[in-house]
Amino acid sequence: MPDARRKHTSKRLGACFIWTMAALASATPTAWAQGARPTRSAASEPAPSVELAPTPYDIKSMGVSLRFPVGSKAQAQRLGTSEASVAVFAPDGSWRILVRTTKSKDTTLTPLAAVQAVLKQLQIARAVRDQRSNKVRGSSVQTLVEPATLDIAGAQAARFYTAIPRLNETPAVSGYTIVRMAPGRFFVAEFDCALADFDAARPVYERVMNTLHISDQSDRGAGRAALLLSGDTILASLDRDKIESILPKQPIWWRQYRPAQKDQAEKEIGYQRVETHVGQRGELDPRRPKSRWSVEDREFGFVASVMGRFLDGERIVDSQSIFFLSFDLSRESWVVRMTVREGDSKLNWSETGVREGDDIKVTADQPGSNPIVKHWKKPPRAYLSQVEVYLTPRILINAGAEAMFGFYRYLSALNDIALRRDTLRKVRKDDQAPTDAIWALETRSNDDAGVSVMFMDAHGAPIERRLPNNTRMTPMTLADLKRLWRSKGLPMS
């Protein structure tokens, strides 16, 4: 599903069903005219009772569970260990239910408005035009049951059914049930069957929907689904203007050190410079002059630049990472370079990454081995771009909510997409926090990582970061950083 975070909510929600629209448009329209009701199956006997499985099908990544008919088959499309969507097929193959979750930037959007937007998209995709004037005179999509509100699992919901012609086949029924899980967050259940099977299959579908259970998202122990829901809601509110408004005015120089202990003196570990600004894609390669930039290189967007030096015994590790994010947030590129020096030896490592819509490709070049190329589909929710990773503290503080959040992001250290967990809270007395610290952001970068804590002032400016390996990072001016390293006789780049 493309992640353009668009301006118009109806278009955004409709984009969730682009693959459906393409499938419908590929069939040749029949001569059905607007208002001509298709003939239903002659068999109008009451639908037989269907036994539902006693144990609900728990979709933890979506935060929901449902009971499906005994004998039906569920097939999950997975993203790592999480379900991006789940398709359920009737024992006799007469119907299909596809469930997933989606989001809207508009937190006031109602399920009724959402299904109306989807219905309109379906009708537009199958517009019927006058052969002479080429003007639209209707749609071959026929509404069997108009969009209507209902209550499912104690939540607001809405549903409709349509009949859609198919080339040389009986018409197909497509129905949608959309349930509001949280502001801007929806559970979507799409239903498909042949028109001849509609009367028998519809009660089964609606009975399954009535078994929907939504996890209690207010419970902090609700797990991954709740974390992703919170993270997704935050990201859904972002656009170009909001990101520009939280960009730091100046680069930040970080000093990383190990505090003095009883038997050890304070020790310098490294330094890092982080800058986020409005820039151009061509900045990904600082070695190439601007006069040689291509049209693609001249695209404006958001740029994050991170460079640093770290000391590891006798080894000196220099790194440079540059990330680009398009203004519409749908595309990103990055380049990471690292050089490890020890005596006269030098090893180089590099990584390039590209995301176009939902497709992510990363190539890693390592010394002494062939390049490693990996492909992923962008997680369907709560995906944090590489640029946004460096703005996360400001993004969360700008929202001003003490809460737990979950985000998927690509992590170079793992060469994989991992779940990041963040908890934003006000500073407590037992934190022994630096002076002027108002906020504390606890971050676990992946399931196996320890927790780091960043202390910030009321505006999100960093004061100190405490890492799991018992080292600390504090902002310093470049002049003070140079003076410190020179006084200790340390090698500066």
Protein backbone atom coordinates (compact mmCIF):
# COMPACT_ATOMS: atom_id res chain seq x y z
CA MET A 1 0.00 0.00 0.00
CA PRO A 2 1.64 3.29 -1.02
CA ASP A 3 2.51 5.56 1.88
CA ALA A 4 2.10 9.06 0.47
CA ARG A 5 0.35 10.43 3.61
CA ARG A 6 -1.83 12.44 1.31
CA LYS A 7 -3.80 15.62 1.82
CA HIS A 8 -7.22 14.21 1.07
CA THR A 9 -8.38 11.51 3.45
CA SER A 10 -10.75 9.83 1.07
CA LYS A 11 -7.97 9.41 -1.47
CA ARG A 12 -5.64 8.05 1.18
CA LEU A 13 -8.11 5.44 2.37
CA GLY A 14 -9.01 4.57 -1.18
CA ALA A 15 -5.33 4.00 -1.92
CA CYS A 16 -5.48 1.05 0.44
CA PHE A 17 -7.51 -0.72 -2.18
CA ILE A 18 -5.54 0.18 -5.32
CA TRP A 19 -4.78 -3.47 -6.05
CA THR A 20 -8.53 -4.19 -5.98
CA MET A 21 -9.21 -1.31 -8.31
CA ALA A 22 -6.60 -2.53 -10.79
CA ALA A 23 -8.11 -6.00 -10.82
CA LEU A 24 -11.57 -4.60 -11.47
CA ALA A 25 -10.39 -2.28 -14.21
CA SER A 26 -8.74 -5.15 -16.05
CA ALA A 27 -12.11 -6.75 -16.79
CA THR A 28 -14.15 -5.51 -19.75
CA PRO A 29 -17.30 -3.57 -18.71
CA THR A 30 -20.63 -5.04 -19.71
CA ALA A 31 -23.63 -3.11 -20.97
CA TRP A 32 -25.00 -2.63 -17.46
CA ALA A 33 -26.26 0.92 -17.10
CA GLN A 34 -26.61 3.02 -14.00
CA GLY A 35 -29.79 2.02 -12.24
CA ALA A 36 -30.15 -1.37 -13.95
CA ARG A 37 -30.30 -3.80 -11.03
CA PRO A 38 -28.64 -7.16 -11.71
CA THR A 39 -30.76 -10.24 -11.33
CA ARG A 40 -30.06 -12.25 -8.19
CA SER A 41 -29.81 -15.98 -7.93
CA ALA A 42 -33.10 -17.80 -8.18
CA ALA A 43 -32.17 -19.75 -5.08
CA SER A 44 -33.44 -17.60 -2.20
CA GLU A 45 -33.63 -20.25 0.49
CA PRO A 46 -32.47 -19.26 3.99
CA ALA A 47 -28.74 -19.76 4.51
CA PRO A 48 -27.92 -22.88 6.50
CA SER A 49 -26.44 -22.44 9.96
CA VAL A 50 -22.63 -22.32 9.86
CA GLU A 51 -20.53 -23.56 12.75
CA LEU A 52 -17.81 -21.18 13.83
CA ALA A 53 -14.52 -22.34 15.31
CA PRO A 54 -14.66 -22.28 19.13
CA THR A 55 -11.19 -20.71 19.33
CA PRO A 56 -10.77 -17.22 17.88
CA TYR A 57 -8.11 -16.58 15.25
CA ASP A 58 -5.82 -14.13 17.04
CA ILE A 59 -4.06 -11.57 14.80
CA LYS A 60 -1.73 -9.99 17.34
CA SER A 61 -0.06 -7.61 14.90
CA MET A 62 -3.46 -6.06 14.14
CA GLY A 63 -4.72 -6.16 17.70
CA VAL A 64 -7.85 -8.15 16.78
CA SER A 65 -9.29 -11.65 16.85
CA LEU A 66 -12.18 -13.30 14.96
CA ARG A 67 -13.89 -16.67 14.79
CA PHE A 68 -13.99 -18.17 11.31
CA PRO A 69 -16.19 -21.02 10.05
CA VAL A 70 -15.04 -24.55 10.81
CA GLY A 71 -13.18 -25.93 7.79
CA SER A 72 -12.26 -22.54 6.34
CA LYS A 73 -8.63 -21.85 5.47
CA ALA A 74 -6.71 -18.79 6.65
CA GLN A 75 -3.69 -17.58 4.74
CA ALA A 76 -1.56 -14.78 6.22
CA GLN A 77 0.65 -12.46 4.23
CA ARG A 78 3.49 -11.87 6.67
CA LEU A 79 5.93 -9.08 7.32
CA GLY A 80 8.62 -10.74 9.39
CA THR A 81 6.63 -12.35 12.20
CA SER A 82 3.63 -10.05 11.80
CA GLU A 83 0.56 -10.43 9.62
CA ALA A 84 0.16 -7.65 7.06
CA SER A 85 -3.19 -9.16 6.00
CA VAL A 86 -5.11 -12.39 6.46
CA ALA A 87 -7.28 -13.99 3.74
CA VAL A 88 -9.89 -16.57 4.79
CA PHE A 89 -11.47 -18.90 2.22
CA ALA A 90 -14.74 -20.82 2.50
CA PRO A 91 -14.48 -24.61 2.80
CA ASP A 92 -16.13 -24.91 -0.64
CA GLY A 93 -14.33 -21.88 -2.10
CA SER A 94 -17.54 -19.89 -2.55
CA TRP A 95 -16.36 -16.76 -0.69
CA ARG A 96 -13.30 -14.99 0.59
CA ILE A 97 -12.74 -12.54 3.46
CA LEU A 98 -9.60 -10.39 3.48
CA VAL A 99 -8.82 -8.50 6.70
CA ARG A 100 -6.22 -5.85 7.45
CA THR A 101 -5.80 -2.51 9.17
CA THR A 102 -5.24 0.89 7.62
CA LYS A 103 -4.81 4.47 8.71
CA SER A 104 -5.97 7.96 7.87
CA LYS A 105 -4.33 11.28 8.60
CA ASP A 106 -7.79 12.62 9.47
CA THR A 107 -8.45 11.53 13.05
CA THR A 108 -12.09 12.69 12.75
CA LEU A 109 -12.84 10.38 9.81
CA THR A 110 -15.89 8.17 10.44
CA PRO A 111 -16.39 4.62 9.14
CA LEU A 112 -19.39 5.82 7.09
CA ALA A 113 -17.31 8.48 5.33
CA ALA A 114 -14.59 5.90 4.78
CA VAL A 115 -16.84 3.32 3.09
CA GLN A 116 -18.45 6.05 1.00
CA ALA A 117 -14.97 7.01 -0.24
CA VAL A 118 -14.18 3.39 -1.09
CA LEU A 119 -17.48 2.95 -2.93
CA LYS A 120 -16.79 6.07 -4.96
CA GLN A 121 -13.36 4.73 -5.93
CA LEU A 122 -14.92 1.47 -7.09
CA GLN A 123 -17.48 3.33 -9.18
CA ILE A 124 -14.87 5.59 -10.76
CA ALA A 125 -12.74 2.57 -11.69
CA ARG A 126 -15.67 1.07 -13.61
CA ALA A 127 -17.11 4.21 -15.13
CA VAL A 128 -19.37 3.75 -18.19
CA ARG A 129 -18.82 6.32 -20.96
CA ASP A 130 -20.97 7.37 -23.86
CA GLN A 131 -19.45 5.99 -27.08
CA ARG A 132 -20.02 9.21 -28.98
CA SER A 133 -19.23 11.95 -26.47
CA ASN A 134 -16.92 9.89 -24.19
CA LYS A 135 -18.69 11.49 -21.25
CA VAL A 136 -19.24 9.43 -18.09
CA ARG A 137 -22.89 8.41 -17.90
CA GLY A 138 -22.74 6.05 -14.96
CA SER A 139 -20.87 3.08 -13.58
CA SER A 140 -21.13 -0.65 -14.13
CA VAL A 141 -20.67 -1.09 -10.39
CA GLN A 142 -24.11 -1.61 -8.87
CA THR A 143 -24.81 -0.96 -5.20
CA LEU A 144 -26.65 -3.91 -3.67
CA VAL A 145 -26.69 -2.54 -0.11
CA GLU A 146 -26.09 1.16 0.45
CA PRO A 147 -23.40 2.28 2.93
CA ALA A 148 -24.86 2.21 6.43
CA THR A 149 -23.55 2.57 9.96
CA LEU A 150 -23.56 -0.22 12.51
CA ASP A 151 -21.93 -1.23 15.77
CA ILE A 152 -19.32 -3.99 15.86
CA ALA A 153 -17.36 -4.99 18.99
CA GLY A 154 -18.63 -1.83 20.67
CA ALA A 155 -16.99 0.32 18.01
CA GLN A 156 -18.33 2.50 15.19
CA ALA A 157 -18.52 0.65 11.88
CA ALA A 158 -20.04 0.88 8.40
CA ARG A 159 -20.68 -1.52 5.54
CA PHE A 160 -21.86 -1.76 1.92
CA TYR A 161 -22.14 -4.36 -0.85
CA THR A 162 -21.75 -3.95 -4.61
CA ALA A 163 -22.10 -6.14 -7.68
CA ILE A 164 -19.31 -5.92 -10.25
CA PRO A 165 -19.46 -7.39 -13.77
CA ARG A 166 -16.80 -9.90 -14.86
CA LEU A 167 -15.93 -10.82 -18.42
CA ASN A 168 -17.68 -14.06 -19.50
CA GLU A 169 -18.45 -14.91 -15.88
CA THR A 170 -21.24 -14.33 -13.40
CA PRO A 171 -21.04 -10.96 -11.63
CA ALA A 172 -19.01 -10.76 -8.43
CA VAL A 173 -20.07 -9.23 -5.13
CA SER A 174 -17.60 -7.03 -3.29
CA GLY A 175 -18.44 -5.86 0.20
CA TYR A 176 -16.54 -3.80 2.75
CA THR A 177 -16.87 -3.51 6.50
CA ILE A 178 -14.77 -0.79 8.11
CA VAL A 179 -14.45 -0.55 11.90
CA ARG A 180 -12.93 2.39 13.75
CA MET A 181 -10.32 1.00 16.18
CA ALA A 182 -8.94 4.37 17.26
CA PRO A 183 -8.84 7.92 15.86
CA GLY A 184 -7.43 7.59 12.34
CA ARG A 185 -7.07 3.81 12.68
CA PHE A 186 -9.41 1.30 10.99
CA PHE A 187 -9.98 -2.43 10.69
CA VAL A 188 -11.05 -3.36 7.15
CA ALA A 189 -12.74 -6.63 6.14
CA GLU A 190 -13.29 -7.09 2.41
CA PHE A 191 -15.75 -9.74 1.26
CA ASP A 192 -15.91 -11.39 -2.18
CA CYS A 193 -18.21 -13.99 -3.69
CA ALA A 194 -20.14 -14.71 -6.88
CA LEU A 195 -23.48 -12.92 -7.14
CA ALA A 196 -25.23 -16.30 -7.27
CA ASP A 197 -23.76 -17.15 -3.83
CA PHE A 198 -24.47 -13.79 -2.19
CA ASP A 199 -27.66 -14.71 -0.34
CA ALA A 200 -26.02 -17.73 1.26
CA ALA A 201 -22.60 -16.20 1.91
CA ARG A 202 -23.64 -12.81 3.27
CA PRO A 203 -24.97 -14.12 6.63
CA VAL A 204 -21.73 -16.07 7.14
CA TYR A 205 -19.60 -12.96 6.54
CA GLU A 206 -21.70 -10.81 8.85
CA ARG A 207 -21.70 -13.47 11.56
CA VAL A 208 -17.90 -13.63 11.40
CA MET A 209 -17.71 -9.83 11.66
CA ASN A 210 -19.87 -9.93 14.78
CA THR A 211 -17.21 -12.05 16.51
CA LEU A 212 -14.59 -9.32 16.08
CA HIS A 213 -12.72 -8.53 19.27
CA ILE A 214 -10.44 -5.50 19.45
CA SER A 215 -7.64 -5.60 22.00
CA ASP A 216 -7.73 -3.02 24.76
CA GLN A 217 -5.31 -0.45 23.38
CA SER A 218 -5.29 1.49 26.67
CA ASP A 219 -3.45 -1.37 28.38
CA ARG A 220 0.30 -0.77 28.28
CA GLY A 221 0.81 -4.51 28.33
CA ALA A 222 -1.29 -5.03 25.23
CA GLY A 223 1.93 -5.66 23.31
CA ARG A 224 3.19 -4.97 19.85
CA ALA A 225 -0.18 -4.13 18.30
CA ALA A 226 -0.82 -1.32 20.77
CA LEU A 227 2.69 0.07 20.33
CA LEU A 228 2.36 0.10 16.55
CA LEU A 229 -1.06 1.70 16.77
CA SER A 230 0.38 4.58 18.82
CA GLY A 231 3.37 4.97 16.52
CA ASP A 232 1.20 4.82 13.43
CA THR A 233 -1.12 7.51 14.74
CA ILE A 234 1.82 9.85 15.35
CA LEU A 235 3.30 9.28 11.88
CA ALA A 236 -0.08 9.73 10.20
CA SER A 237 -0.11 13.34 11.39
CA LEU A 238 3.22 14.18 9.74
CA ASP A 239 3.58 16.12 6.53
CA ARG A 240 6.16 18.40 4.97
CA ASP A 241 5.19 21.47 7.00
CA LYS A 242 5.27 19.67 10.35
CA ILE A 243 8.66 18.14 9.68
CA GLU A 244 10.10 21.47 8.58
CA SER A 245 8.78 23.09 11.77
CA ILE A 246 10.71 20.69 14.04
CA LEU A 247 14.04 20.65 12.19
CA PRO A 248 16.91 21.72 14.50
CA LYS A 249 18.32 25.13 13.63
CA GLN A 250 21.95 24.01 13.95
CA PRO A 251 23.94 20.77 13.71
CA ILE A 252 24.44 18.91 16.98
CA TRP A 253 27.90 17.74 18.04
CA TRP A 254 27.82 14.82 20.45
CA ARG A 255 30.57 13.75 22.82
CA GLN A 256 30.46 10.05 23.77
CA TYR A 257 32.41 9.01 26.86
CA ARG A 258 32.51 6.53 29.73
CA PRO A 259 32.01 8.29 33.07
CA ALA A 260 34.68 7.95 35.73
CA GLN A 261 34.33 4.99 38.07
CA LYS A 262 36.04 4.10 41.33
CA ASP A 263 39.02 2.43 39.66
CA GLN A 264 38.85 4.04 36.21
CA ALA A 265 39.18 7.58 34.92
CA GLU A 266 36.73 9.18 32.54
CA LYS A 267 37.35 7.89 29.01
CA GLU A 268 36.51 9.32 25.59
CA ILE A 269 34.73 6.87 23.26
CA GLY A 270 34.00 9.05 20.25
CA TYR A 271 32.19 12.01 18.78
CA GLN A 272 29.38 12.50 16.30
CA ARG A 273 27.87 15.30 14.27
CA VAL A 274 24.16 15.13 13.36
CA GLU A 275 22.45 17.59 11.03
CA THR A 276 18.93 17.51 9.56
CA HIS A 277 17.90 20.10 7.03
CA VAL A 278 16.05 20.79 3.80
CA GLY A 279 18.37 19.73 1.01
CA GLN A 280 18.73 17.81 -2.25
CA ARG A 281 19.15 14.17 -3.16
CA GLY A 282 22.54 14.88 -4.72
CA GLU A 283 23.98 15.46 -1.24
CA LEU A 284 24.10 11.67 -0.87
CA ASP A 285 27.47 11.81 -2.66
CA PRO A 286 29.50 14.75 -1.32
CA ARG A 287 32.37 13.83 -3.65
CA ARG A 288 30.38 14.67 -6.79
CA PRO A 289 30.27 18.36 -7.74
CA LYS A 290 26.85 19.96 -8.11
CA SER A 291 27.61 20.75 -11.74
CA ARG A 292 27.44 17.00 -12.46
CA TRP A 293 24.14 16.39 -10.69
CA SER A 294 21.35 14.74 -12.66
CA VAL A 295 17.74 15.91 -12.66
CA GLU A 296 17.01 13.30 -9.98
CA ASP A 297 19.88 14.62 -7.85
CA ARG A 298 18.32 18.09 -7.85
CA GLU A 299 15.12 16.95 -6.14
CA PHE A 300 14.53 18.78 -2.87
CA GLY A 301 13.55 16.98 0.31
CA PHE A 302 14.79 16.34 3.84
CA VAL A 303 18.41 15.37 4.44
CA ALA A 304 19.98 13.90 7.57
CA SER A 305 23.78 13.83 7.71
CA VAL A 306 25.63 11.91 10.42
CA MET A 307 29.41 11.63 10.72
CA GLY A 308 31.50 10.38 13.59
CA ARG A 309 34.72 8.91 14.90
CA PHE A 310 34.85 6.14 17.50
CA LEU A 311 37.83 4.62 19.31
CA ASP A 312 37.86 0.87 19.86
CA GLY A 313 41.16 -0.02 21.49
CA GLU A 314 43.82 0.45 18.82
CA ARG A 315 41.21 0.73 16.10
CA ILE A 316 39.80 3.99 14.76
CA VAL A 317 36.34 3.75 13.20
CA ASP A 318 35.18 6.62 10.97
CA SER A 319 31.65 6.68 9.63
CA GLN A 320 29.53 8.89 7.42
CA SER A 321 25.80 8.39 6.82
CA ILE A 322 23.60 10.55 4.59
CA PHE A 323 19.86 10.03 4.26
CA PHE A 324 17.35 11.63 1.88
CA LEU A 325 13.54 11.71 2.24
CA SER A 326 11.23 13.19 -0.40
CA PHE A 327 8.87 15.98 0.67
CA ASP A 328 5.85 13.72 0.12
CA LEU A 329 7.52 11.09 2.38
CA SER A 330 7.04 8.33 -0.22
CA ARG A 331 10.69 7.90 -1.29
CA GLU A 332 13.99 7.71 0.51
CA SER A 333 17.61 6.92 -0.26
CA TRP A 334 20.68 6.59 1.89
CA VAL A 335 24.40 5.88 1.81
CA VAL A 336 26.42 4.67 4.79
CA ARG A 337 30.23 4.48 4.64
CA MET A 338 32.55 3.18 7.33
CA THR A 339 36.34 2.90 7.44
CA VAL A 340 38.15 0.89 10.11
CA ARG A 341 41.86 1.70 10.62
CA GLU A 342 44.31 -0.24 12.75
CA GLY A 343 47.98 0.57 12.26
CA ASP A 344 48.70 0.52 8.55
CA SER A 345 45.61 -1.55 7.64
CA LYS A 346 42.35 -0.04 6.44
CA LEU A 347 39.03 -1.73 5.69
CA ASN A 348 36.06 -0.06 4.00
CA TRP A 349 32.39 -1.00 4.38
CA SER A 350 29.43 0.65 2.66
CA GLU A 351 25.67 0.34 2.42
CA THR A 352 23.17 1.89 0.02
CA GLY A 353 19.43 1.84 0.48
CA VAL A 354 16.46 2.88 -1.65
CA ARG A 355 12.75 2.95 -0.93
CA GLU A 356 10.26 3.68 -3.69
CA GLY A 357 6.75 3.52 -2.27
CA ASP A 358 6.48 0.09 -0.62
CA ASP A 359 9.66 -1.44 -2.08
CA ILE A 360 12.87 -1.34 -0.04
CA LYS A 361 16.25 -2.49 -1.38
CA VAL A 362 19.51 -2.44 0.57
CA THR A 363 22.96 -3.38 -0.75
CA ALA A 364 25.82 -3.91 1.69
CA ASP A 365 29.45 -4.15 0.53
CA GLN A 366 31.71 -5.83 3.08
CA PRO A 367 35.49 -6.43 2.92
CA GLY A 368 36.42 -9.83 1.49
CA SER A 369 32.92 -10.92 0.48
CA ASN A 370 30.36 -10.42 -2.25
CA PRO A 371 27.77 -7.65 -1.85
CA ILE A 372 24.66 -8.60 0.10
CA VAL A 373 21.42 -7.47 -1.53
CA LYS A 374 18.15 -7.62 0.38
CA HIS A 375 14.59 -6.68 -0.52
CA TRP A 376 11.61 -5.97 1.73
CA LYS A 377 8.10 -4.65 1.51
CA LYS A 378 7.64 -1.57 3.64
CA PRO A 379 5.74 -2.44 6.81
CA PRO A 380 2.09 -1.48 6.30
CA ARG A 381 2.04 0.70 9.40
CA ALA A 382 4.30 2.65 11.76
CA TYR A 383 7.25 2.72 9.36
CA LEU A 384 9.91 5.24 10.32
CA SER A 385 12.11 6.54 7.50
CA GLN A 386 15.84 6.90 8.09
CA VAL A 387 15.54 10.70 8.25
CA GLU A 388 12.64 10.49 10.71
CA VAL A 389 14.74 8.28 13.00
CA TYR A 390 16.88 11.33 13.82
CA LEU A 391 13.79 13.47 14.42
CA THR A 392 11.83 11.00 16.55
CA PRO A 393 12.44 12.75 19.92
CA ARG A 394 11.19 16.03 18.49
CA ILE A 395 8.28 14.33 16.74
CA LEU A 396 7.09 12.74 19.98
CA ILE A 397 7.60 15.82 22.14
CA ASN A 398 5.78 17.91 19.55
CA ALA A 399 2.81 15.56 20.05
CA GLY A 400 3.20 16.14 23.79
CA ALA A 401 1.85 12.75 24.86
CA GLU A 402 3.33 10.59 27.61
CA ALA A 403 2.89 7.19 26.02
CA MET A 404 4.55 4.09 24.56
CA PHE A 405 5.17 3.91 20.82
CA GLY A 406 6.32 1.28 18.35
CA PHE A 407 7.95 1.89 14.97
CA TYR A 408 9.40 -0.31 12.27
CA ARG A 409 12.67 1.00 10.88
CA TYR A 410 15.62 -0.35 8.90
CA LEU A 411 18.62 -0.98 11.16
CA SER A 412 22.06 -1.14 9.52
CA ALA A 413 23.54 -3.00 12.49
CA LEU A 414 21.18 -5.90 11.81
CA ASN A 415 20.83 -5.43 8.04
CA ASP A 416 17.12 -5.92 8.67
CA ILE A 417 13.88 -4.18 9.53
CA ALA A 418 13.31 -4.21 13.28
CA LEU A 419 10.72 -2.99 15.75
CA ARG A 420 11.83 0.03 17.76
CA ARG A 421 10.07 0.78 21.06
CA ASP A 422 9.92 4.28 22.56
CA THR A 423 8.44 5.48 25.83
CA LEU A 424 8.06 9.22 26.31
CA ARG A 425 7.52 10.45 29.87
CA LYS A 426 8.12 13.41 32.13
CA VAL A 427 11.34 13.26 34.15
CA ARG A 428 10.99 11.57 37.55
CA LYS A 429 12.81 12.39 40.76
CA ASP A 430 14.59 9.03 40.78
CA ASP A 431 16.07 9.60 37.29
CA GLN A 432 18.94 11.69 38.63
CA ALA A 433 18.44 13.67 35.46
CA PRO A 434 20.54 16.62 34.28
CA THR A 435 19.42 20.12 35.20
CA ASP A 436 16.69 21.57 32.95
CA ALA A 437 15.61 18.12 31.75
CA ILE A 438 11.83 17.94 31.34
CA TRP A 439 11.34 14.93 29.11
CA ALA A 440 12.85 11.43 29.13
CA LEU A 441 12.68 9.21 26.07
CA GLU A 442 13.44 5.52 26.65
CA THR A 443 14.34 3.67 23.44
CA ARG A 444 14.92 0.00 22.66
CA SER A 445 16.24 -0.11 19.08
CA ASN A 446 15.29 -3.78 18.56
CA ASP A 447 14.05 -6.78 20.51
CA ASP A 448 17.53 -7.76 21.68
CA ALA A 449 18.88 -4.29 22.47
CA GLY A 450 19.16 -2.64 25.85
CA VAL A 451 17.34 0.56 26.74
CA SER A 452 18.87 3.98 26.13
CA VAL A 453 17.48 7.13 27.75
CA MET A 454 17.62 10.60 26.24
CA PHE A 455 16.89 13.60 28.46
CA MET A 456 15.54 16.73 26.74
CA ASP A 457 14.28 20.17 27.60
CA ALA A 458 10.72 21.40 27.08
CA HIS A 459 11.37 22.05 23.37
CA GLY A 460 13.01 18.72 22.59
CA ALA A 461 16.60 19.93 22.59
CA PRO A 462 18.84 17.09 23.84
CA ILE A 463 20.66 17.42 27.15
CA GLU A 464 22.10 13.95 27.67
CA ARG A 465 21.79 10.41 26.36
CA ARG A 466 22.58 7.35 28.47
CA LEU A 467 23.39 4.21 26.48
CA PRO A 468 22.97 0.55 27.49
CA ASN A 469 26.77 -0.01 27.51
CA ASN A 470 27.14 2.47 30.38
CA THR A 471 28.49 5.23 28.17
CA ARG A 472 26.97 8.69 27.86
CA MET A 473 26.53 11.24 25.10
CA THR A 474 26.25 14.99 25.68
CA PRO A 475 25.99 17.88 23.20
CA MET A 476 29.06 20.12 22.98
CA THR A 477 30.25 22.94 20.82
CA LEU A 478 32.77 21.98 18.15
CA ALA A 479 35.37 24.26 19.78
CA ASP A 480 34.97 22.58 23.19
CA LEU A 481 35.10 19.14 21.61
CA LYS A 482 38.35 19.96 19.79
CA ARG A 483 39.84 21.39 22.95
CA LEU A 484 38.93 18.27 24.94
CA TRP A 485 40.36 15.77 22.46
CA ARG A 486 43.55 17.78 21.99
CA SER A 487 44.07 17.98 25.73
CA LYS A 488 43.93 14.15 25.89
CA GLY A 489 46.13 13.65 22.82
CA LEU A 490 43.40 11.81 20.90
CA PRO A 491 43.37 11.46 17.08
CA MET A 492 40.87 13.81 15.43
CA SER A 493 39.70 13.51 11.85
